[in-house]
C-alpha atoms as a PDB file:
ATOM      1  CA  MET A   1    -105.724 105.662 181.082  1.00  0.00           C
ATOM      2  CA  LYS A   2    -108.455 105.581 183.737  1.00  0.00           C
ATOM      3  CA  ALA A   3    -107.059 108.724 185.380  1.00  0.00           C
ATOM      4  CA  LEU A   4    -107.066 110.462 181.993  1.00  0.00           C
ATOM      5  CA  ASP A   5    -110.678 109.390 181.443  1.00  0.00           C
ATOM      6  CA  VAL A   6    -111.677 111.037 184.736  1.00  0.00           C
ATOM      7  CA  VAL A   7    -109.905 114.266 183.813  1.00  0.00           C
ATOM      8  CA  MET A   8    -111.594 114.368 180.401  1.00  0.00           C
ATOM      9  CA  THR A   9    -115.086 113.537 181.715  1.00  0.00           C
ATOM     10  CA  PRO A  10    -117.528 116.460 181.330  1.00  0.00           C
ATOM     11  CA  ILE A  11    -118.604 118.263 184.496  1.00  0.00           C
ATOM     12  CA  ASN A  12    -122.279 118.754 185.264  1.00  0.00           C
ATOM     13  CA  ARG A  13    -123.294 122.405 185.099  1.00  0.00           C
ATOM     14  CA  GLU A  14    -124.324 122.344 188.773  1.00  0.00           C
ATOM     15  CA  GLY A  15    -120.695 121.767 189.698  1.00  0.00           C
ATOM     16  CA  HIS A  16    -119.172 124.725 187.853  1.00  0.00           C
ATOM     17  CA  ILE A  17    -119.677 127.214 190.689  1.00  0.00           C
ATOM     18  CA  PHE A  18    -118.311 124.802 193.295  1.00  0.00           C
ATOM     19  CA  VAL A  19    -115.194 124.062 191.263  1.00  0.00           C
ATOM     20  CA  ALA A  20    -114.620 127.799 190.779  1.00  0.00           C
ATOM     21  CA  ILE A  21    -115.050 128.518 194.504  1.00  0.00           C
ATOM     22  CA  PHE A  22    -112.692 125.724 195.533  1.00  0.00           C
ATOM     23  CA  PHE A  23    -110.073 126.836 192.989  1.00  0.00           C
ATOM     24  CA  VAL A  24    -110.158 130.506 194.011  1.00  0.00           C
ATOM     25  CA  ALA A  25    -110.005 129.501 197.675  1.00  0.00           C
ATOM     26  CA  SER A  26    -106.959 127.342 196.897  1.00  0.00           C
ATOM     27  CA  LEU A  27    -105.149 130.280 195.301  1.00  0.00           C
ATOM     28  CA  ALA A  28    -105.924 132.405 198.360  1.00  0.00           C
ATOM     29  CA  LEU A  29    -104.627 129.686 200.668  1.00  0.00           C
ATOM     30  CA  PHE A  30    -101.290 129.633 198.840  1.00  0.00           C
ATOM     31  CA  TRP A  31    -100.797 133.210 200.084  1.00  0.00           C
ATOM     32  CA  VAL A  32    -101.268 131.969 203.645  1.00  0.00           C
ATOM     33  CA  ALA A  33     -99.197 128.783 203.487  1.00  0.00           C
ATOM     34  CA  ASP A  34     -98.211 126.453 200.668  1.00  0.00           C
ATOM     35  CA  PRO A  35     -99.486 123.274 202.394  1.00  0.00           C
ATOM     36  CA  LEU A  36    -102.962 124.815 202.757  1.00  0.00           C
ATOM     37  CA  GLY A  37    -102.970 125.720 199.076  1.00  0.00           C
ATOM     38  CA  TRP A  38    -102.133 122.163 198.068  1.00  0.00           C
ATOM     39  CA  ILE A  39    -104.903 120.867 200.309  1.00  0.00           C
ATOM     40  CA  GLY A  40    -107.240 123.277 198.544  1.00  0.00           C
ATOM     41  CA  LEU A  41    -106.186 121.952 195.146  1.00  0.00           C
ATOM     42  CA  VAL A  42    -106.828 118.378 196.291  1.00  0.00           C
ATOM     43  CA  LEU A  43    -110.339 119.428 197.349  1.00  0.00           C
ATOM     44  CA  THR A  44    -110.810 121.170 193.987  1.00  0.00           C
ATOM     45  CA  ALA A  45    -109.843 117.946 192.209  1.00  0.00           C
ATOM     46  CA  TRP A  46    -112.311 116.028 194.385  1.00  0.00           C
ATOM     47  CA  CYS A  47    -115.028 118.537 193.449  1.00  0.00           C
ATOM     48  CA  LEU A  48    -114.288 117.958 189.766  1.00  0.00           C
ATOM     49  CA  TYR A  49    -114.504 114.217 190.403  1.00  0.00           C
ATOM     50  CA  PHE A  50    -117.795 114.461 192.301  1.00  0.00           C
ATOM     51  CA  PHE A  51    -119.586 116.493 189.625  1.00  0.00           C
ATOM     52  CA  ARG A  52    -118.388 114.409 186.686  1.00  0.00           C
ATOM     53  CA  ASP A  53    -121.131 113.681 184.166  1.00  0.00           C
ATOM     54  CA  PRO A  54    -120.020 110.916 181.767  1.00  0.00           C
ATOM     55  CA  GLU A  55    -121.911 109.898 178.667  1.00  0.00           C
ATOM     56  CA  ARG A  56    -123.706 106.580 178.924  1.00  0.00           C
ATOM     57  CA  VAL A  57    -124.692 103.924 176.385  1.00  0.00           C
ATOM     58  CA  VAL A  58    -128.428 103.475 177.022  1.00  0.00           C
ATOM     59  CA  PRO A  59    -129.860 100.049 176.084  1.00  0.00           C
ATOM     60  CA  ASP A  60    -132.444 100.155 173.306  1.00  0.00           C
ATOM     61  CA  GLU A  61    -133.966  96.771 174.153  1.00  0.00           C
ATOM     62  CA  PRO A  62    -137.790  96.980 174.463  1.00  0.00           C
ATOM     63  CA  GLY A  63    -139.404  96.385 177.839  1.00  0.00           C
ATOM     64  CA  VAL A  64    -136.448  97.172 180.105  1.00  0.00           C
ATOM     65  CA  LEU A  65    -135.859  99.816 182.764  1.00  0.00           C
ATOM     66  CA  VAL A  66    -132.395 101.175 183.454  1.00  0.00           C
ATOM     67  CA  SER A  67    -130.939 102.165 186.774  1.00  0.00           C
ATOM     68  CA  PRO A  68    -131.746 105.781 187.693  1.00  0.00           C
ATOM     69  CA  ALA A  69    -128.393 106.176 189.436  1.00  0.00           C
ATOM     70  CA  ASP A  70    -124.858 104.951 189.885  1.00  0.00           C
ATOM     71  CA  GLY A  71    -124.192 103.211 193.186  1.00  0.00           C
ATOM     72  CA  THR A  72    -124.835  99.952 195.001  1.00  0.00           C
ATOM     73  CA  VAL A  73    -128.173  98.174 195.435  1.00  0.00           C
ATOM     74  CA  CYS A  74    -128.718  98.302 199.190  1.00  0.00           C
ATOM     75  CA  LEU A  75    -132.315  97.032 199.440  1.00  0.00           C
ATOM     76  CA  ILE A  76    -134.875  95.135 197.398  1.00  0.00           C
ATOM     77  CA  THR A  77    -138.136  94.925 199.304  1.00  0.00           C
ATOM     78  CA  GLU A  78    -141.913  95.145 199.104  1.00  0.00           C
ATOM     79  CA  ALA A  79    -143.044  98.619 200.155  1.00  0.00           C
ATOM     80  CA  LEU A  80    -146.026 100.913 199.843  1.00  0.00           C
ATOM     81  CA  PRO A  81    -145.580 103.511 197.101  1.00  0.00           C
ATOM     82  CA  PRO A  82    -145.232 107.129 198.282  1.00  0.00           C
ATOM     83  CA  ALA A  83    -148.638 108.398 199.443  1.00  0.00           C
ATOM     84  CA  GLU A  84    -147.893 111.785 197.859  1.00  0.00           C
ATOM     85  CA  LEU A  85    -148.058 110.198 194.391  1.00  0.00           C
ATOM     86  CA  ASP A  86    -151.547 108.628 194.792  1.00  0.00           C
ATOM     87  CA  MET A  87    -150.496 105.216 193.482  1.00  0.00           C
ATOM     88  CA  GLY A  88    -152.778 103.188 195.734  1.00  0.00           C
ATOM     89  CA  ASP A  89    -152.052 101.179 198.856  1.00  0.00           C
ATOM     90  CA  ALA A  90    -150.851  97.907 197.329  1.00  0.00           C
ATOM     91  CA  PRO A  91    -147.176  97.109 198.077  1.00  0.00           C
ATOM     92  CA  ARG A  92    -144.727  97.297 195.182  1.00  0.00           C
ATOM     93  CA  THR A  93    -141.223  96.031 194.667  1.00  0.00           C
ATOM     94  CA  ARG A  94    -138.858  98.835 195.639  1.00  0.00           C
ATOM     95  CA  ILE A  95    -135.208  98.794 194.628  1.00  0.00           C
ATOM     96  CA  SER A  96    -132.954 101.172 196.564  1.00  0.00           C
ATOM     97  CA  ILE A  97    -129.559 102.336 195.337  1.00  0.00           C
ATOM     98  CA  PHE A  98    -127.030 103.899 197.708  1.00  0.00           C
ATOM     99  CA  LEU A  99    -124.698 106.549 196.274  1.00  0.00           C
ATOM    100  CA  SER A 100    -121.469 107.242 198.118  1.00  0.00           C
ATOM    101  CA  VAL A 101    -119.521 110.476 197.650  1.00  0.00           C
ATOM    102  CA  PHE A 102    -117.381 108.624 195.096  1.00  0.00           C
ATOM    103  CA  ASN A 103    -120.255 107.742 192.738  1.00  0.00           C
ATOM    104  CA  VAL A 104    -121.496 109.808 189.804  1.00  0.00           C
ATOM    105  CA  HIS A 105    -124.470 111.705 191.243  1.00  0.00           C
ATOM    106  CA  VAL A 106    -126.309 112.607 188.050  1.00  0.00           C
ATOM    107  CA  ASN A 107    -129.685 110.837 188.007  1.00  0.00           C
ATOM    108  CA  ARG A 108    -131.260 109.366 184.868  1.00  0.00           C
ATOM    109  CA  VAL A 109    -134.812 108.495 183.832  1.00  0.00           C
ATOM    110  CA  PRO A 110    -135.340 104.704 183.960  1.00  0.00           C
ATOM    111  CA  ALA A 111    -137.796 104.438 181.062  1.00  0.00           C
ATOM    112  CA  ALA A 112    -139.288 106.346 178.159  1.00  0.00           C
ATOM    113  CA  GLY A 113    -142.727 107.787 178.781  1.00  0.00           C
ATOM    114  CA  LYS A 114    -144.457 110.749 180.432  1.00  0.00           C
ATOM    115  CA  VAL A 115    -144.096 112.295 183.880  1.00  0.00           C
ATOM    116  CA  THR A 116    -147.532 112.292 185.527  1.00  0.00           C
ATOM    117  CA  ARG A 117    -146.846 113.681 188.990  1.00  0.00           C
ATOM    118  CA  LEU A 118    -144.090 115.327 191.032  1.00  0.00           C
ATOM    119  CA  ALA A 119    -143.960 115.772 194.804  1.00  0.00           C
ATOM    120  CA  TYR A 120    -141.299 117.233 197.078  1.00  0.00           C
ATOM    121  CA  VAL A 121    -141.292 116.031 200.700  1.00  0.00           C
ATOM    122  CA  PRO A 122    -139.139 117.720 203.379  1.00  0.00           C
ATOM    123  CA  GLY A 123    -137.674 115.423 205.992  1.00  0.00           C
ATOM    124  CA  LYS A 124    -134.698 114.173 207.962  1.00  0.00           C
ATOM    125  CA  TYR A 125    -131.142 113.408 206.884  1.00  0.00           C
ATOM    126  CA  LEU A 126    -130.647 109.836 208.045  1.00  0.00           C
ATOM    127  CA  ASN A 127    -127.878 107.756 206.531  1.00  0.00           C
ATOM    128  CA  ALA A 128    -129.123 107.050 202.991  1.00  0.00           C
ATOM    129  CA  ALA A 129    -128.425 103.338 203.472  1.00  0.00           C
ATOM    130  CA  ASP A 130    -130.885 103.231 206.386  1.00  0.00           C
ATOM    131  CA  GLU A 131    -134.058 101.275 205.579  1.00  0.00           C
ATOM    132  CA  ASN A 132    -136.190 104.135 206.939  1.00  0.00           C
ATOM    133  CA  ALA A 133    -134.623 106.780 204.696  1.00  0.00           C
ATOM    134  CA  SER A 134    -137.254 106.280 201.981  1.00  0.00           C
ATOM    135  CA  GLU A 135    -140.043 107.360 204.348  1.00  0.00           C
ATOM    136  CA  GLU A 136    -138.282 109.804 206.677  1.00  0.00           C
ATOM    137  CA  ASN A 137    -135.631 111.690 204.682  1.00  0.00           C
ATOM    138  CA  GLU A 138    -136.046 114.705 202.440  1.00  0.00           C
ATOM    139  CA  ARG A 139    -136.994 113.430 198.996  1.00  0.00           C
ATOM    140  CA  GLN A 140    -138.172 114.336 195.517  1.00  0.00           C
ATOM    141  CA  LEU A 141    -140.767 111.917 194.151  1.00  0.00           C
ATOM    142  CA  VAL A 142    -141.574 111.283 190.494  1.00  0.00           C
ATOM    143  CA  ARG A 143    -144.419 109.234 189.048  1.00  0.00           C
ATOM    144  CA  MET A 144    -144.490 108.355 185.372  1.00  0.00           C
ATOM    145  CA  THR A 145    -146.258 106.194 182.821  1.00  0.00           C
ATOM    146  CA  THR A 146    -143.854 104.309 180.600  1.00  0.00           C
ATOM    147  CA  GLU A 147    -144.379 104.132 176.857  1.00  0.00           C
ATOM    148  CA  ASP A 148    -145.673 100.571 177.221  1.00  0.00           C
ATOM    149  CA  GLY A 149    -148.209 101.546 179.900  1.00  0.00           C
ATOM    150  CA  HIS A 150    -146.506 100.749 183.207  1.00  0.00           C
ATOM    151  CA  ASP A 151    -147.128 103.041 186.173  1.00  0.00           C
ATOM    152  CA  ILE A 152    -143.810 103.440 188.014  1.00  0.00           C
ATOM    153  CA  ALA A 153    -142.208 105.861 190.431  1.00  0.00           C
ATOM    154  CA  PHE A 154    -138.709 106.846 191.412  1.00  0.00           C
ATOM    155  CA  ALA A 155    -137.342 109.018 194.191  1.00  0.00           C
ATOM    156  CA  GLN A 156    -134.273 111.108 194.928  1.00  0.00           C
ATOM    157  CA  VAL A 157    -133.586 110.718 198.644  1.00  0.00           C
ATOM    158  CA  ALA A 158    -131.229 112.992 200.577  1.00  0.00           C
ATOM    159  CA  GLY A 159    -128.633 111.346 202.795  1.00  0.00           C
ATOM    160  CA  LEU A 160    -126.559 112.064 205.874  1.00  0.00           C
ATOM    161  CA  VAL A 161    -124.462 114.784 204.214  1.00  0.00           C
ATOM    162  CA  ALA A 162    -126.707 115.590 201.264  1.00  0.00           C
ATOM    163  CA  ARG A 163    -128.507 118.906 201.601  1.00  0.00           C
ATOM    164  CA  ARG A 164    -129.607 119.701 198.076  1.00  0.00           C
ATOM    165  CA  ILE A 165    -131.840 117.762 195.688  1.00  0.00           C
ATOM    166  CA  LEU A 166    -132.033 119.046 192.120  1.00  0.00           C
ATOM    167  CA  CYS A 167    -134.773 117.798 189.764  1.00  0.00           C
ATOM    168  CA  ASP A 168    -135.289 119.259 186.294  1.00  0.00           C
ATOM    169  CA  LEU A 169    -138.507 117.388 185.456  1.00  0.00           C
ATOM    170  CA  SER A 170    -141.947 118.962 185.077  1.00  0.00           C
ATOM    171  CA  ASP A 171    -145.507 117.634 185.030  1.00  0.00           C
ATOM    172  CA  ASP A 172    -146.592 116.093 181.698  1.00  0.00           C
ATOM    173  CA  GLN A 173    -143.015 116.123 180.398  1.00  0.00           C
ATOM    174  CA  THR A 174    -142.182 113.461 177.831  1.00  0.00           C
ATOM    175  CA  VAL A 175    -138.877 111.763 178.605  1.00  0.00           C
ATOM    176  CA  ALA A 176    -136.603 109.193 177.013  1.00  0.00           C
ATOM    177  CA  ARG A 177    -134.904 106.283 178.721  1.00  0.00           C
ATOM    178  CA  GLY A 178    -131.576 107.413 180.146  1.00  0.00           C
ATOM    179  CA  ASP A 179    -132.292 111.159 180.052  1.00  0.00           C
ATOM    180  CA  ARG A 180    -130.537 113.149 182.772  1.00  0.00           C
ATOM    181  CA  PHE A 181    -133.070 114.627 185.173  1.00  0.00           C
ATOM    182  CA  GLY A 182    -131.167 115.906 188.211  1.00  0.00           C
ATOM    183  CA  LEU A 183    -128.650 115.158 190.947  1.00  0.00           C
ATOM    184  CA  ILE A 184    -128.222 115.116 194.716  1.00  0.00           C
ATOM    185  CA  ARG A 185    -125.335 116.686 196.644  1.00  0.00           C
ATOM    186  CA  PHE A 186    -123.285 114.987 198.239  1.00  0.00           C
ATOM    187  CA  GLY A 187    -124.205 111.419 199.263  1.00  0.00           C
ATOM    188  CA  SER A 188    -127.641 110.005 198.727  1.00  0.00           C
ATOM    189  CA  ARG A 189    -130.039 107.293 197.644  1.00  0.00           C
ATOM    190  CA  THR A 190    -132.352 106.667 194.718  1.00  0.00           C
ATOM    191  CA  ASP A 191    -135.417 104.417 194.898  1.00  0.00           C
ATOM    192  CA  ILE A 192    -137.508 102.944 192.108  1.00  0.00           C
ATOM    193  CA  TYR A 193    -140.989 101.450 192.598  1.00  0.00           C
ATOM    194  CA  LEU A 194    -141.958  98.841 190.022  1.00  0.00           C
ATOM    195  CA  ASP A 195    -145.372  98.103 188.560  1.00  0.00           C
ATOM    196  CA  ASP A 196    -146.984  94.678 188.187  1.00  0.00           C
ATOM    197  CA  GLY A 197    -145.450  92.896 185.224  1.00  0.00           C
ATOM    198  CA  LEU A 198    -141.956  94.253 185.906  1.00  0.00           C
ATOM    199  CA  VAL A 199    -139.368  92.103 187.688  1.00  0.00           C
ATOM    200  CA  PRO A 200    -135.991  93.111 189.178  1.00  0.00           C
ATOM    201  CA  MET A 201    -132.914  92.065 187.227  1.00  0.00           C
ATOM    202  CA  VAL A 202    -130.437  92.985 189.973  1.00  0.00           C
ATOM    203  CA  LYS A 203    -129.532  91.809 193.477  1.00  0.00           C
ATOM    204  CA  VAL A 204    -128.433  93.433 196.732  1.00  0.00           C
ATOM    205  CA  GLY A 205    -124.768  94.408 196.604  1.00  0.00           C
ATOM    206  CA  GLN A 206    -124.691  94.780 192.815  1.00  0.00           C
ATOM    207  CA  THR A 207    -123.022  97.865 191.352  1.00  0.00           C
ATOM    208  CA  MET A 208    -125.250 100.049 189.179  1.00  0.00           C
ATOM    209  CA  ILE A 209    -124.316 102.278 186.261  1.00  0.00           C
ATOM    210  CA  GLY A 210    -126.991 104.923 185.852  1.00  0.00           C
ATOM    211  CA  GLY A 211    -128.613 104.897 182.428  1.00  0.00           C
ATOM    212  CA  GLU A 212    -126.880 101.644 181.431  1.00  0.00           C
ATOM    213  CA  THR A 213    -127.547  98.824 183.901  1.00  0.00           C
ATOM    214  CA  VAL A 214    -130.866  97.045 183.268  1.00  0.00           C
ATOM    215  CA  ILE A 215    -132.586  97.187 186.647  1.00  0.00           C
ATOM    216  CA  ALA A 216    -135.946  95.612 185.725  1.00  0.00           C
ATOM    217  CA  ARG A 217    -137.589  93.891 182.811  1.00  0.00           C
ATOM    218  CA  LYS A 218    -141.132  93.396 181.514  1.00  0.00           C
ATOM    219  CA  ILE A 219    -142.327  89.798 181.855  1.00  0.00           C
END
């Protein structure tokens, strides 16, 4: 049943071209040697798996933030917010989520509200689980004001093998909790910076489901 669910899961539009390329390459490889063709089909199936984009049941409880990504919480720490977002120099609680190549890579907005600032920062490609990745790796930063007035930020951070960050948000855009807003190819990290009055509801090592898992709550 689980295998069938994976097969039937919708594929994000960003993956269509990759799936097509892998499939055509597999057919060509069959002309060279059958074993190479089968390897190509396995890689095509992996590509389908990587770009899967399942529907999620977004909590409607007031005052909660949902995880912006699937993956595993790798860090919860006090950190300065990104300077590019002009959020001041007071440390904030930062929750970092590591996405392996086996996780769903579609990112989701953690709260309803309005996007107030976007900033793209070029950088390195350290292992996304590295503590320094938030400050040194390539990243897309998003600042927003939630519908109940909290000033938060979240970041898409490239990883060791990730080379492409996609973000569909724009300045002053109104968003809903759980909305899809982009993805990162092919292994990565997502950070969220909390505002005063918001407390983490997760712990290091916990598995996140983007758009569903409550990651923080208003106190």
